[in-house]
Amino acid sequence: RAYQRRQLAASVRQAISQLSPKLRLPILL
């Protein structure tokens, strides 16, 4: 389960990193 959560978190981080900076920065803030 911990591995699955890490993989899920990595997928979310990857998806966020693919957003344009104009969309990524408001999401992060």
mmCIF file of all heavy atoms, coordinates in Angstrom:
data_MODEL
# 
_entry.id   MODEL 
# 
loop_
_atom_site.group_PDB 
_atom_site.id 
_atom_site.type_symbol 
_atom_site.label_atom_id 
_atom_site.label_alt_id 
_atom_site.label_comp_id 
_atom_site.label_asym_id 
_atom_site.label_entity_id 
_atom_site.label_seq_id 
_atom_site.pdbx_PDB_ins_code 
_atom_site.Cartn_x 
_atom_site.Cartn_y 
_atom_site.Cartn_z 
_atom_site.occupancy 
_atom_site.B_iso_or_equiv 
_atom_site.pdbx_formal_charge 
_atom_site.auth_seq_id 
_atom_site.auth_comp_id 
_atom_site.auth_asym_id 
_atom_site.auth_atom_id 
_atom_site.pdbx_PDB_model_num 
ATOM 1   N N   . ARG A 1 1  ? 0.831  -1.214 0.000   1.00 0.00 ? 1  ARG A N   1 
ATOM 2   C CA  . ARG A 1 1  ? 0.000  0.000  0.000   1.00 0.00 ? 1  ARG A CA  1 
ATOM 3   C C   . ARG A 1 1  ? 0.863  1.262  0.000   1.00 0.00 ? 1  ARG A C   1 
ATOM 4   O O   . ARG A 1 1  ? 0.535  2.232  -0.683  1.00 0.00 ? 1  ARG A O   1 
ATOM 5   C CB  . ARG A 1 1  ? -0.928 0.004  1.213   1.00 0.00 ? 1  ARG A CB  1 
ATOM 6   C CG  . ARG A 1 1  ? -2.128 -0.871 1.011   1.00 0.00 ? 1  ARG A CG  1 
ATOM 7   C CD  . ARG A 1 1  ? -3.195 -0.604 2.074   1.00 0.00 ? 1  ARG A CD  1 
ATOM 8   N NE  . ARG A 1 1  ? -3.968 -1.816 2.198   1.00 0.00 ? 1  ARG A NE  1 
ATOM 9   C CZ  . ARG A 1 1  ? -4.078 -2.541 3.280   1.00 0.00 ? 1  ARG A CZ  1 
ATOM 10  N NH1 . ARG A 1 1  ? -3.496 -2.165 4.390   1.00 0.00 ? 1  ARG A NH1 1 
ATOM 11  N NH2 . ARG A 1 1  ? -4.787 -3.649 3.286   1.00 0.00 ? 1  ARG A NH2 1 
ATOM 12  N N   . ALA A 1 2  ? 1.932  1.227  0.787   1.00 0.00 ? 2  ALA A N   1 
ATOM 13  C CA  . ALA A 1 2  ? 2.842  2.376  0.810   1.00 0.00 ? 2  ALA A CA  1 
ATOM 14  C C   . ALA A 1 2  ? 3.458  2.592  -0.566  1.00 0.00 ? 2  ALA A C   1 
ATOM 15  O O   . ALA A 1 2  ? 3.576  3.735  -1.034  1.00 0.00 ? 2  ALA A O   1 
ATOM 16  C CB  . ALA A 1 2  ? 3.939  2.170  1.857   1.00 0.00 ? 2  ALA A CB  1 
ATOM 17  N N   . TYR A 1 3  ? 3.810  1.512  -1.215  1.00 0.00 ? 3  TYR A N   1 
ATOM 18  C CA  . TYR A 1 3  ? 4.365  1.595  -2.574  1.00 0.00 ? 3  TYR A CA  1 
ATOM 19  C C   . TYR A 1 3  ? 3.328  2.181  -3.522  1.00 0.00 ? 3  TYR A C   1 
ATOM 20  O O   . TYR A 1 3  ? 3.640  3.065  -4.331  1.00 0.00 ? 3  TYR A O   1 
ATOM 21  C CB  . TYR A 1 3  ? 4.813  0.203  -3.036  1.00 0.00 ? 3  TYR A CB  1 
ATOM 22  C CG  . TYR A 1 3  ? 5.297  0.169  -4.459  1.00 0.00 ? 3  TYR A CG  1 
ATOM 23  C CD1 . TYR A 1 3  ? 6.568  0.627  -4.780  1.00 0.00 ? 3  TYR A CD1 1 
ATOM 24  C CD2 . TYR A 1 3  ? 4.489  -0.313 -5.484  1.00 0.00 ? 3  TYR A CD2 1 
ATOM 25  C CE1 . TYR A 1 3  ? 7.012  0.614  -6.090  1.00 0.00 ? 3  TYR A CE1 1 
ATOM 26  C CE2 . TYR A 1 3  ? 4.929  -0.327 -6.791  1.00 0.00 ? 3  TYR A CE2 1 
ATOM 27  C CZ  . TYR A 1 3  ? 6.193  0.125  -7.090  1.00 0.00 ? 3  TYR A CZ  1 
ATOM 28  O OH  . TYR A 1 3  ? 6.635  0.110  -8.387  1.00 0.00 ? 3  TYR A OH  1 
ATOM 29  N N   . GLN A 1 4  ? 2.085  1.717  -3.416  1.00 0.00 ? 4  GLN A N   1 
ATOM 30  C CA  . GLN A 1 4  ? 1.015  2.231  -4.282  1.00 0.00 ? 4  GLN A CA  1 
ATOM 31  C C   . GLN A 1 4  ? 0.790  3.722  -4.046  1.00 0.00 ? 4  GLN A C   1 
ATOM 32  O O   . GLN A 1 4  ? 0.585  4.479  -4.996  1.00 0.00 ? 4  GLN A O   1 
ATOM 33  C CB  . GLN A 1 4  ? -0.288 1.457  -4.042  1.00 0.00 ? 4  GLN A CB  1 
ATOM 34  C CG  . GLN A 1 4  ? -0.254 0.042  -4.583  1.00 0.00 ? 4  GLN A CG  1 
ATOM 35  C CD  . GLN A 1 4  ? -1.484 -0.765 -4.160  1.00 0.00 ? 4  GLN A CD  1 
ATOM 36  O OE1 . GLN A 1 4  ? -2.169 -0.427 -3.192  1.00 0.00 ? 4  GLN A OE1 1 
ATOM 37  N NE2 . GLN A 1 4  ? -1.743 -1.848 -4.877  1.00 0.00 ? 4  GLN A NE2 1 
ATOM 38  N N   . ARG A 1 5  ? 0.839  4.139  -2.772  1.00 0.00 ? 5  ARG A N   1 
ATOM 39  C CA  . ARG A 1 5  ? 0.671  5.568  -2.467  1.00 0.00 ? 5  ARG A CA  1 
ATOM 40  C C   . ARG A 1 5  ? 1.819  6.384  -3.053  1.00 0.00 ? 5  ARG A C   1 
ATOM 41  O O   . ARG A 1 5  ? 1.601  7.476  -3.584  1.00 0.00 ? 5  ARG A O   1 
ATOM 42  C CB  . ARG A 1 5  ? 0.566  5.784  -0.954  1.00 0.00 ? 5  ARG A CB  1 
ATOM 43  C CG  . ARG A 1 5  ? -0.802 5.451  -0.386  1.00 0.00 ? 5  ARG A CG  1 
ATOM 44  C CD  . ARG A 1 5  ? -0.965 5.957  1.035   1.00 0.00 ? 5  ARG A CD  1 
ATOM 45  N NE  . ARG A 1 5  ? -0.017 5.365  1.964   1.00 0.00 ? 5  ARG A NE  1 
ATOM 46  C CZ  . ARG A 1 5  ? -0.219 4.229  2.632   1.00 0.00 ? 5  ARG A CZ  1 
ATOM 47  N NH1 . ARG A 1 5  ? -1.332 3.570  2.475   1.00 0.00 ? 5  ARG A NH1 1 
ATOM 48  N NH2 . ARG A 1 5  ? 0.698  3.770  3.455   1.00 0.00 ? 5  ARG A NH2 1 
ATOM 49  N N   . ARG A 1 6  ? 3.043  5.855  -2.948  1.00 0.00 ? 6  ARG A N   1 
ATOM 50  C CA  . ARG A 1 6  ? 4.193  6.557  -3.529  1.00 0.00 ? 6  ARG A CA  1 
ATOM 51  C C   . ARG A 1 6  ? 4.045  6.671  -5.044  1.00 0.00 ? 6  ARG A C   1 
ATOM 52  O O   . ARG A 1 6  ? 4.329  7.707  -5.635  1.00 0.00 ? 6  ARG A O   1 
ATOM 53  C CB  . ARG A 1 6  ? 5.498  5.867  -3.170  1.00 0.00 ? 6  ARG A CB  1 
ATOM 54  C CG  . ARG A 1 6  ? 5.957  6.112  -1.747  1.00 0.00 ? 6  ARG A CG  1 
ATOM 55  C CD  . ARG A 1 6  ? 7.407  5.694  -1.528  1.00 0.00 ? 6  ARG A CD  1 
ATOM 56  N NE  . ARG A 1 6  ? 7.674  4.321  -1.896  1.00 0.00 ? 6  ARG A NE  1 
ATOM 57  C CZ  . ARG A 1 6  ? 7.511  3.263  -1.098  1.00 0.00 ? 6  ARG A CZ  1 
ATOM 58  N NH1 . ARG A 1 6  ? 7.067  3.445  0.135   1.00 0.00 ? 6  ARG A NH1 1 
ATOM 59  N NH2 . ARG A 1 6  ? 7.778  2.048  -1.516  1.00 0.00 ? 6  ARG A NH2 1 
ATOM 60  N N   . GLN A 1 7  ? 3.578  5.585  -5.673  1.00 0.00 ? 7  GLN A N   1 
ATOM 61  C CA  . GLN A 1 7  ? 3.383  5.595  -7.121  1.00 0.00 ? 7  GLN A CA  1 
ATOM 62  C C   . GLN A 1 7  ? 2.291  6.588  -7.508  1.00 0.00 ? 7  GLN A C   1 
ATOM 63  O O   . GLN A 1 7  ? 2.417  7.304  -8.495  1.00 0.00 ? 7  GLN A O   1 
ATOM 64  C CB  . GLN A 1 7  ? 3.031  4.195  -7.635  1.00 0.00 ? 7  GLN A CB  1 
ATOM 65  C CG  . GLN A 1 7  ? 4.178  3.215  -7.571  1.00 0.00 ? 7  GLN A CG  1 
ATOM 66  C CD  . GLN A 1 7  ? 5.374  3.689  -8.366  1.00 0.00 ? 7  GLN A CD  1 
ATOM 67  O OE1 . GLN A 1 7  ? 6.359  4.153  -7.814  1.00 0.00 ? 7  GLN A OE1 1 
ATOM 68  N NE2 . GLN A 1 7  ? 5.291  3.595  -9.673  1.00 0.00 ? 7  GLN A NE2 1 
ATOM 69  N N   . LEU A 1 8  ? 1.224  6.620  -6.736  1.00 0.00 ? 8  LEU A N   1 
ATOM 70  C CA  . LEU A 1 8  ? 0.132  7.549  -6.991  1.00 0.00 ? 8  LEU A CA  1 
ATOM 71  C C   . LEU A 1 8  ? 0.624  8.993  -6.840  1.00 0.00 ? 8  LEU A C   1 
ATOM 72  O O   . LEU A 1 8  ? 0.346  9.847  -7.689  1.00 0.00 ? 8  LEU A O   1 
ATOM 73  C CB  . LEU A 1 8  ? -1.033 7.276  -6.036  1.00 0.00 ? 8  LEU A CB  1 
ATOM 74  C CG  . LEU A 1 8  ? -2.255 8.171  -6.178  1.00 0.00 ? 8  LEU A CG  1 
ATOM 75  C CD1 . LEU A 1 8  ? -2.884 8.023  -7.552  1.00 0.00 ? 8  LEU A CD1 1 
ATOM 76  C CD2 . LEU A 1 8  ? -3.267 7.835  -5.092  1.00 0.00 ? 8  LEU A CD2 1 
ATOM 77  N N   . ALA A 1 9  ? 1.358  9.253  -5.767  1.00 0.00 ? 9  ALA A N   1 
ATOM 78  C CA  . ALA A 1 9  ? 1.902  10.597 -5.552  1.00 0.00 ? 9  ALA A CA  1 
ATOM 79  C C   . ALA A 1 9  ? 2.845  10.985 -6.685  1.00 0.00 ? 9  ALA A C   1 
ATOM 80  O O   . ALA A 1 9  ? 2.823  12.128 -7.160  1.00 0.00 ? 9  ALA A O   1 
ATOM 81  C CB  . ALA A 1 9  ? 2.627  10.665 -4.204  1.00 0.00 ? 9  ALA A CB  1 
ATOM 82  N N   . ALA A 1 10 ? 3.654  10.035 -7.146  1.00 0.00 ? 10 ALA A N   1 
ATOM 83  C CA  . ALA A 1 10 ? 4.561  10.304 -8.262  1.00 0.00 ? 10 ALA A CA  1 
ATOM 84  C C   . ALA A 1 10 ? 3.773  10.620 -9.530  1.00 0.00 ? 10 ALA A C   1 
ATOM 85  O O   . ALA A 1 10 ? 4.149  11.515 -10.298 1.00 0.00 ? 10 ALA A O   1 
ATOM 86  C CB  . ALA A 1 10 ? 5.495  9.121  -8.490  1.00 0.00 ? 10 ALA A CB  1 
ATOM 87  N N   . SER A 1 11 ? 2.675  9.912  -9.744  1.00 0.00 ? 11 SER A N   1 
ATOM 88  C CA  . SER A 1 11 ? 1.835  10.177 -10.924 1.00 0.00 ? 11 SER A CA  1 
ATOM 89  C C   . SER A 1 11 ? 1.225  11.571 -10.849 1.00 0.00 ? 11 SER A C   1 
ATOM 90  O O   . SER A 1 11 ? 1.173  12.285 -11.856 1.00 0.00 ? 11 SER A O   1 
ATOM 91  C CB  . SER A 1 11 ? 0.721  9.135  -11.029 1.00 0.00 ? 11 SER A CB  1 
ATOM 92  O OG  . SER A 1 11 ? 1.251  7.857  -11.274 1.00 0.00 ? 11 SER A OG  1 
ATOM 93  N N   . VAL A 1 12 ? 0.768  11.961 -9.663  1.00 0.00 ? 12 VAL A N   1 
ATOM 94  C CA  . VAL A 1 12 ? 0.189  13.297 -9.495  1.00 0.00 ? 12 VAL A CA  1 
ATOM 95  C C   . VAL A 1 12 ? 1.266  14.360 -9.718  1.00 0.00 ? 12 VAL A C   1 
ATOM 96  O O   . VAL A 1 12 ? 1.042  15.345 -10.432 1.00 0.00 ? 12 VAL A O   1 
ATOM 97  C CB  . VAL A 1 12 ? -0.481 13.446 -8.110  1.00 0.00 ? 12 VAL A CB  1 
ATOM 98  C CG1 . VAL A 1 12 ? -0.904 14.892 -7.857  1.00 0.00 ? 12 VAL A CG1 1 
ATOM 99  C CG2 . VAL A 1 12 ? -1.675 12.508 -8.001  1.00 0.00 ? 12 VAL A CG2 1 
ATOM 100 N N   . ARG A 1 13 ? 2.460  14.164 -9.124  1.00 0.00 ? 13 ARG A N   1 
ATOM 101 C CA  . ARG A 1 13 ? 3.551  15.129 -9.333  1.00 0.00 ? 13 ARG A CA  1 
ATOM 102 C C   . ARG A 1 13 ? 3.906  15.234 -10.812 1.00 0.00 ? 13 ARG A C   1 
ATOM 103 O O   . ARG A 1 13 ? 4.136  16.325 -11.327 1.00 0.00 ? 13 ARG A O   1 
ATOM 104 C CB  . ARG A 1 13 ? 4.788  14.727 -8.518  1.00 0.00 ? 13 ARG A CB  1 
ATOM 105 C CG  . ARG A 1 13 ? 4.729  15.143 -7.069  1.00 0.00 ? 13 ARG A CG  1 
ATOM 106 C CD  . ARG A 1 13 ? 6.082  15.034 -6.385  1.00 0.00 ? 13 ARG A CD  1 
ATOM 107 N NE  . ARG A 1 13 ? 6.678  13.722 -6.486  1.00 0.00 ? 13 ARG A NE  1 
ATOM 108 C CZ  . ARG A 1 13 ? 6.450  12.708 -5.672  1.00 0.00 ? 13 ARG A CZ  1 
ATOM 109 N NH1 . ARG A 1 13 ? 5.612  12.858 -4.669  1.00 0.00 ? 13 ARG A NH1 1 
ATOM 110 N NH2 . ARG A 1 13 ? 7.054  11.549 -5.846  1.00 0.00 ? 13 ARG A NH2 1 
ATOM 111 N N   . GLN A 1 14 ? 3.947  14.084 -11.477 1.00 0.00 ? 14 GLN A N   1 
ATOM 112 C CA  . GLN A 1 14 ? 4.267  14.072 -12.907 1.00 0.00 ? 14 GLN A CA  1 
ATOM 113 C C   . GLN A 1 14 ? 3.205  14.846 -13.695 1.00 0.00 ? 14 GLN A C   1 
ATOM 114 O O   . GLN A 1 14 ? 3.536  15.642 -14.567 1.00 0.00 ? 14 GLN A O   1 
ATOM 115 C CB  . GLN A 1 14 ? 4.368  12.627 -13.420 1.00 0.00 ? 14 GLN A CB  1 
ATOM 116 C CG  . GLN A 1 14 ? 4.603  12.500 -14.909 1.00 0.00 ? 14 GLN A CG  1 
ATOM 117 C CD  . GLN A 1 14 ? 5.973  12.989 -15.331 1.00 0.00 ? 14 GLN A CD  1 
ATOM 118 O OE1 . GLN A 1 14 ? 6.903  13.038 -14.536 1.00 0.00 ? 14 GLN A OE1 1 
ATOM 119 N NE2 . GLN A 1 14 ? 6.100  13.371 -16.583 1.00 0.00 ? 14 GLN A NE2 1 
ATOM 120 N N   . ALA A 1 15 ? 1.938  14.620 -13.387 1.00 0.00 ? 15 ALA A N   1 
ATOM 121 C CA  . ALA A 1 15 ? 0.855  15.331 -14.077 1.00 0.00 ? 15 ALA A CA  1 
ATOM 122 C C   . ALA A 1 15 ? 0.947  16.832 -13.832 1.00 0.00 ? 15 ALA A C   1 
ATOM 123 O O   . ALA A 1 15 ? 0.783  17.634 -14.754 1.00 0.00 ? 15 ALA A O   1 
ATOM 124 C CB  . ALA A 1 15 ? -0.505 14.789 -13.628 1.00 0.00 ? 15 ALA A CB  1 
ATOM 125 N N   . ILE A 1 16 ? 1.243  17.222 -12.597 1.00 0.00 ? 16 ILE A N   1 
ATOM 126 C CA  . ILE A 1 16 ? 1.387  18.647 -12.281 1.00 0.00 ? 16 ILE A CA  1 
ATOM 127 C C   . ILE A 1 16 ? 2.564  19.236 -13.040 1.00 0.00 ? 16 ILE A C   1 
ATOM 128 O O   . ILE A 1 16 ? 2.476  20.338 -13.582 1.00 0.00 ? 16 ILE A O   1 
ATOM 129 C CB  . ILE A 1 16 ? 1.526  18.861 -10.758 1.00 0.00 ? 16 ILE A CB  1 
ATOM 130 C CG1 . ILE A 1 16 ? 0.198  18.545 -10.062 1.00 0.00 ? 16 ILE A CG1 1 
ATOM 131 C CG2 . ILE A 1 16 ? 1.958  20.293 -10.441 1.00 0.00 ? 16 ILE A CG2 1 
ATOM 132 C CD1 . ILE A 1 16 ? 0.280  18.522 -8.550  1.00 0.00 ? 16 ILE A CD1 1 
ATOM 133 N N   . SER A 1 17 ? 3.656  18.490 -13.132 1.00 0.00 ? 17 SER A N   1 
ATOM 134 C CA  . SER A 1 17 ? 4.844  19.006 -13.828 1.00 0.00 ? 17 SER A CA  1 
ATOM 135 C C   . SER A 1 17 ? 4.599  19.191 -15.317 1.00 0.00 ? 17 SER A C   1 
ATOM 136 O O   . SER A 1 17 ? 5.312  19.939 -15.974 1.00 0.00 ? 17 SER A O   1 
ATOM 137 C CB  . SER A 1 17 ? 6.047  18.095 -13.586 1.00 0.00 ? 17 SER A CB  1 
ATOM 138 O OG  . SER A 1 17 ? 5.923  16.899 -14.326 1.00 0.00 ? 17 SER A OG  1 
ATOM 139 N N   . GLN A 1 18 ? 3.583  18.517 -15.865 1.00 0.00 ? 18 GLN A N   1 
ATOM 140 C CA  . GLN A 1 18 ? 3.274  18.652 -17.286 1.00 0.00 ? 18 GLN A CA  1 
ATOM 141 C C   . GLN A 1 18 ? 2.368  19.846 -17.574 1.00 0.00 ? 18 GLN A C   1 
ATOM 142 O O   . GLN A 1 18 ? 2.171  20.202 -18.734 1.00 0.00 ? 18 GLN A O   1 
ATOM 143 C CB  . GLN A 1 18 ? 2.617  17.368 -17.799 1.00 0.00 ? 18 GLN A CB  1 
ATOM 144 C CG  . GLN A 1 18 ? 3.575  16.201 -17.825 1.00 0.00 ? 18 GLN A CG  1 
ATOM 145 C CD  . GLN A 1 18 ? 2.878  14.886 -18.151 1.00 0.00 ? 18 GLN A CD  1 
ATOM 146 O OE1 . GLN A 1 18 ? 1.662  14.819 -18.266 1.00 0.00 ? 18 GLN A OE1 1 
ATOM 147 N NE2 . GLN A 1 18 ? 3.672  13.847 -18.296 1.00 0.00 ? 18 GLN A NE2 1 
ATOM 148 N N   . LEU A 1 19 ? 1.807  20.459 -16.546 1.00 0.00 ? 19 LEU A N   1 
ATOM 149 C CA  . LEU A 1 19 ? 1.003  21.657 -16.750 1.00 0.00 ? 19 LEU A CA  1 
ATOM 150 C C   . LEU A 1 19 ? 1.906  22.810 -17.160 1.00 0.00 ? 19 LEU A C   1 
ATOM 151 O O   . LEU A 1 19 ? 3.075  22.858 -16.766 1.00 0.00 ? 19 LEU A O   1 
ATOM 152 C CB  . LEU A 1 19 ? 0.264  22.045 -15.459 1.00 0.00 ? 19 LEU A CB  1 
ATOM 153 C CG  . LEU A 1 19 ? -0.793 21.095 -14.934 1.00 0.00 ? 19 LEU A CG  1 
ATOM 154 C CD1 . LEU A 1 19 ? -1.295 21.580 -13.575 1.00 0.00 ? 19 LEU A CD1 1 
ATOM 155 C CD2 . LEU A 1 19 ? -1.946 20.955 -15.915 1.00 0.00 ? 19 LEU A CD2 1 
ATOM 156 N N   . SER A 1 20 ? 1.366  23.745 -17.894 1.00 0.00 ? 20 SER A N   1 
ATOM 157 C CA  . SER A 1 20 ? 2.149  24.935 -18.231 1.00 0.00 ? 20 SER A CA  1 
ATOM 158 C C   . SER A 1 20 ? 2.430  25.698 -16.941 1.00 0.00 ? 20 SER A C   1 
ATOM 159 O O   . SER A 1 20 ? 1.654  25.599 -15.976 1.00 0.00 ? 20 SER A O   1 
ATOM 160 C CB  . SER A 1 20 ? 1.371  25.820 -19.206 1.00 0.00 ? 20 SER A CB  1 
ATOM 161 O OG  . SER A 1 20 ? 0.278  26.422 -18.548 1.00 0.00 ? 20 SER A OG  1 
ATOM 162 N N   . PRO A 1 21 ? 3.521  26.457 -16.891 1.00 0.00 ? 21 PRO A N   1 
ATOM 163 C CA  . PRO A 1 21 ? 3.819  27.217 -15.668 1.00 0.00 ? 21 PRO A CA  1 
ATOM 164 C C   . PRO A 1 21 ? 2.669  28.124 -15.230 1.00 0.00 ? 21 PRO A C   1 
ATOM 165 O O   . PRO A 1 21 ? 2.439  28.299 -14.047 1.00 0.00 ? 21 PRO A O   1 
ATOM 166 C CB  . PRO A 1 21 ? 5.053  28.034 -16.049 1.00 0.00 ? 21 PRO A CB  1 
ATOM 167 C CG  . PRO A 1 21 ? 5.723  27.215 -17.100 1.00 0.00 ? 21 PRO A CG  1 
ATOM 168 C CD  . PRO A 1 21 ? 4.602  26.573 -17.874 1.00 0.00 ? 21 PRO A CD  1 
ATOM 169 N N   . LYS A 1 22 ? 1.911  28.679 -16.180 1.00 0.00 ? 22 LYS A N   1 
ATOM 170 C CA  . LYS A 1 22 ? 0.791  29.566 -15.828 1.00 0.00 ? 22 LYS A CA  1 
ATOM 171 C C   . LYS A 1 22 ? -0.300 28.819 -15.071 1.00 0.00 ? 22 LYS A C   1 
ATOM 172 O O   . LYS A 1 22 ? -1.024 29.408 -14.278 1.00 0.00 ? 22 LYS A O   1 
ATOM 173 C CB  . LYS A 1 22 ? 0.203  30.209 -17.080 1.00 0.00 ? 22 LYS A CB  1 
ATOM 174 C CG  . LYS A 1 22 ? 1.053  31.327 -17.601 1.00 0.00 ? 22 LYS A CG  1 
ATOM 175 C CD  . LYS A 1 22 ? 0.360  32.060 -18.718 1.00 0.00 ? 22 LYS A CD  1 
ATOM 176 C CE  . LYS A 1 22 ? 1.225  33.216 -19.159 1.00 0.00 ? 22 LYS A CE  1 
ATOM 177 N NZ  . LYS A 1 22 ? 0.540  34.120 -20.048 1.00 0.00 ? 22 LYS A NZ  1 
ATOM 178 N N   . LEU A 1 23 ? -0.438 27.520 -15.306 1.00 0.00 ? 23 LEU A N   1 
ATOM 179 C CA  . LEU A 1 23 ? -1.428 26.722 -14.588 1.00 0.00 ? 23 LEU A CA  1 
ATOM 180 C C   . LEU A 1 23 ? -0.804 26.044 -13.370 1.00 0.00 ? 23 LEU A C   1 
ATOM 181 O O   . LEU A 1 23 ? -1.467 25.846 -12.357 1.00 0.00 ? 23 LEU A O   1 
ATOM 182 C CB  . LEU A 1 23 ? -2.043 25.664 -15.512 1.00 0.00 ? 23 LEU A CB  1 
ATOM 183 C CG  . LEU A 1 23 ? -2.760 26.182 -16.759 1.00 0.00 ? 23 LEU A CG  1 
ATOM 184 C CD1 . LEU A 1 23 ? -3.339 25.019 -17.558 1.00 0.00 ? 23 LEU A CD1 1 
ATOM 185 C CD2 . LEU A 1 23 ? -3.826 27.193 -16.405 1.00 0.00 ? 23 LEU A CD2 1 
ATOM 186 N N   . ARG A 1 24 ? 0.451  25.675 -13.472 1.00 0.00 ? 24 ARG A N   1 
ATOM 187 C CA  . ARG A 1 24 ? 1.122  24.945 -12.394 1.00 0.00 ? 24 ARG A CA  1 
ATOM 188 C C   . ARG A 1 24 ? 1.307  25.816 -11.150 1.00 0.00 ? 24 ARG A C   1 
ATOM 189 O O   . ARG A 1 24 ? 1.051  25.378 -10.029 1.00 0.00 ? 24 ARG A O   1 
ATOM 190 C CB  . ARG A 1 24 ? 2.486  24.455 -12.883 1.00 0.00 ? 24 ARG A CB  1 
ATOM 191 C CG  . ARG A 1 24 ? 3.150  23.500 -11.936 1.00 0.00 ? 24 ARG A CG  1 
ATOM 192 C CD  . ARG A 1 24 ? 4.467  22.957 -12.452 1.00 0.00 ? 24 ARG A CD  1 
ATOM 193 N NE  . ARG A 1 24 ? 4.552  22.958 -13.894 1.00 0.00 ? 24 ARG A NE  1 
ATOM 194 C CZ  . ARG A 1 24 ? 5.680  23.090 -14.569 1.00 0.00 ? 24 ARG A CZ  1 
ATOM 195 N NH1 . ARG A 1 24 ? 6.824  23.209 -13.940 1.00 0.00 ? 24 ARG A NH1 1 
ATOM 196 N NH2 . ARG A 1 24 ? 5.693  23.090 -15.881 1.00 0.00 ? 24 ARG A NH2 1 
ATOM 197 N N   . LEU A 1 25 ? 1.748  27.062 -11.326 1.00 0.00 ? 25 LEU A N   1 
ATOM 198 C CA  . LEU A 1 25 ? 2.021  27.913 -10.169 1.00 0.00 ? 25 LEU A CA  1 
ATOM 199 C C   . LEU A 1 25 ? 0.783  28.176 -9.316  1.00 0.00 ? 25 LEU A C   1 
ATOM 200 O O   . LEU A 1 25 ? 0.855  28.059 -8.091  1.00 0.00 ? 25 LEU A O   1 
ATOM 201 C CB  . LEU A 1 25 ? 2.689  29.219 -10.610 1.00 0.00 ? 25 LEU A CB  1 
ATOM 202 C CG  . LEU A 1 25 ? 4.167  29.066 -10.947 1.00 0.00 ? 25 LEU A CG  1 
ATOM 203 C CD1 . LEU A 1 25 ? 4.685  30.294 -11.675 1.00 0.00 ? 25 LEU A CD1 1 
ATOM 204 C CD2 . LEU A 1 25 ? 4.981  28.803 -9.693  1.00 0.00 ? 25 LEU A CD2 1 
ATOM 205 N N   . PRO A 1 26 ? -0.370 28.507 -9.898  1.00 0.00 ? 26 PRO A N   1 
ATOM 206 C CA  . PRO A 1 26 ? -1.546 28.682 -9.029  1.00 0.00 ? 26 PRO A CA  1 
ATOM 207 C C   . PRO A 1 26 ? -1.922 27.400 -8.288  1.00 0.00 ? 26 PRO A C   1 
ATOM 208 O O   . PRO A 1 26 ? -2.303 27.455 -7.117  1.00 0.00 ? 26 PRO A O   1 
ATOM 209 C CB  . PRO A 1 26 ? -2.663 29.093 -10.009 1.00 0.00 ? 26 PRO A CB  1 
ATOM 210 C CG  . PRO A 1 26 ? -1.968 29.625 -11.199 1.00 0.00 ? 26 PRO A CG  1 
ATOM 211 C CD  . PRO A 1 26 ? -0.659 28.903 -11.276 1.00 0.00 ? 26 PRO A CD  1 
ATOM 212 N N   . ILE A 1 27 ? -1.806 26.251 -8.946  1.00 0.00 ? 27 ILE A N   1 
ATOM 213 C CA  . ILE A 1 27 ? -2.108 24.967 -8.292  1.00 0.00 ? 27 ILE A CA  1 
ATOM 214 C C   . ILE A 1 27 ? -1.186 24.777 -7.089  1.00 0.00 ? 27 ILE A C   1 
ATOM 215 O O   . ILE A 1 27 ? -1.637 24.424 -5.992  1.00 0.00 ? 27 ILE A O   1 
ATOM 216 C CB  . ILE A 1 27 ? -1.955 23.789 -9.286  1.00 0.00 ? 27 ILE A CB  1 
ATOM 217 C CG1 . ILE A 1 27 ? -3.000 23.850 -10.400 1.00 0.00 ? 27 ILE A CG1 1 
ATOM 218 C CG2 . ILE A 1 27 ? -1.955 22.449 -8.566  1.00 0.00 ? 27 ILE A CG2 1 
ATOM 219 C CD1 . ILE A 1 27 ? -4.377 23.361 -10.043 1.00 0.00 ? 27 ILE A CD1 1 
ATOM 220 N N   . LEU A 1 28 ? 0.105  25.015 -7.273  1.00 0.00 ? 28 LEU A N   1 
ATOM 221 C CA  . LEU A 1 28 ? 1.074  24.826 -6.182  1.00 0.00 ? 28 LEU A CA  1 
ATOM 222 C C   . LEU A 1 28 ? 0.845  25.821 -5.051  1.00 0.00 ? 28 LEU A C   1 
ATOM 223 O O   . LEU A 1 28 ? 0.893  25.451 -3.871  1.00 0.00 ? 28 LEU A O   1 
ATOM 224 C CB  . LEU A 1 28 ? 2.497  24.937 -6.713  1.00 0.00 ? 28 LEU A CB  1 
ATOM 225 C CG  . LEU A 1 28 ? 2.926  23.858 -7.695  1.00 0.00 ? 28 LEU A CG  1 
ATOM 226 C CD1 . LEU A 1 28 ? 4.323  24.138 -8.238  1.00 0.00 ? 28 LEU A CD1 1 
ATOM 227 C CD2 . LEU A 1 28 ? 2.871  22.485 -7.050  1.00 0.00 ? 28 LEU A CD2 1 
ATOM 228 N N   . LEU A 1 29 ? 0.620  27.078 -5.400  1.00 0.00 ? 29 LEU A N   1 
ATOM 229 C CA  . LEU A 1 29 ? 0.404  28.078 -4.353  1.00 0.00 ? 29 LEU A CA  1 
ATOM 230 C C   . LEU A 1 29 ? -0.875 27.805 -3.571  1.00 0.00 ? 29 LEU A C   1 
ATOM 231 O O   . LEU A 1 29 ? -0.936 28.037 -2.371  1.00 0.00 ? 29 LEU A O   1 
ATOM 232 C CB  . LEU A 1 29 ? 0.383  29.485 -4.960  1.00 0.00 ? 29 LEU A CB  1 
ATOM 233 C CG  . LEU A 1 29 ? 1.721  29.976 -5.520  1.00 0.00 ? 29 LEU A CG  1 
ATOM 234 C CD1 . LEU A 1 29 ? 1.554  31.303 -6.249  1.00 0.00 ? 29 LEU A CD1 1 
ATOM 235 C CD2 . LEU A 1 29 ? 2.780  30.074 -4.438  1.00 0.00 ? 29 LEU A CD2 1 
# 
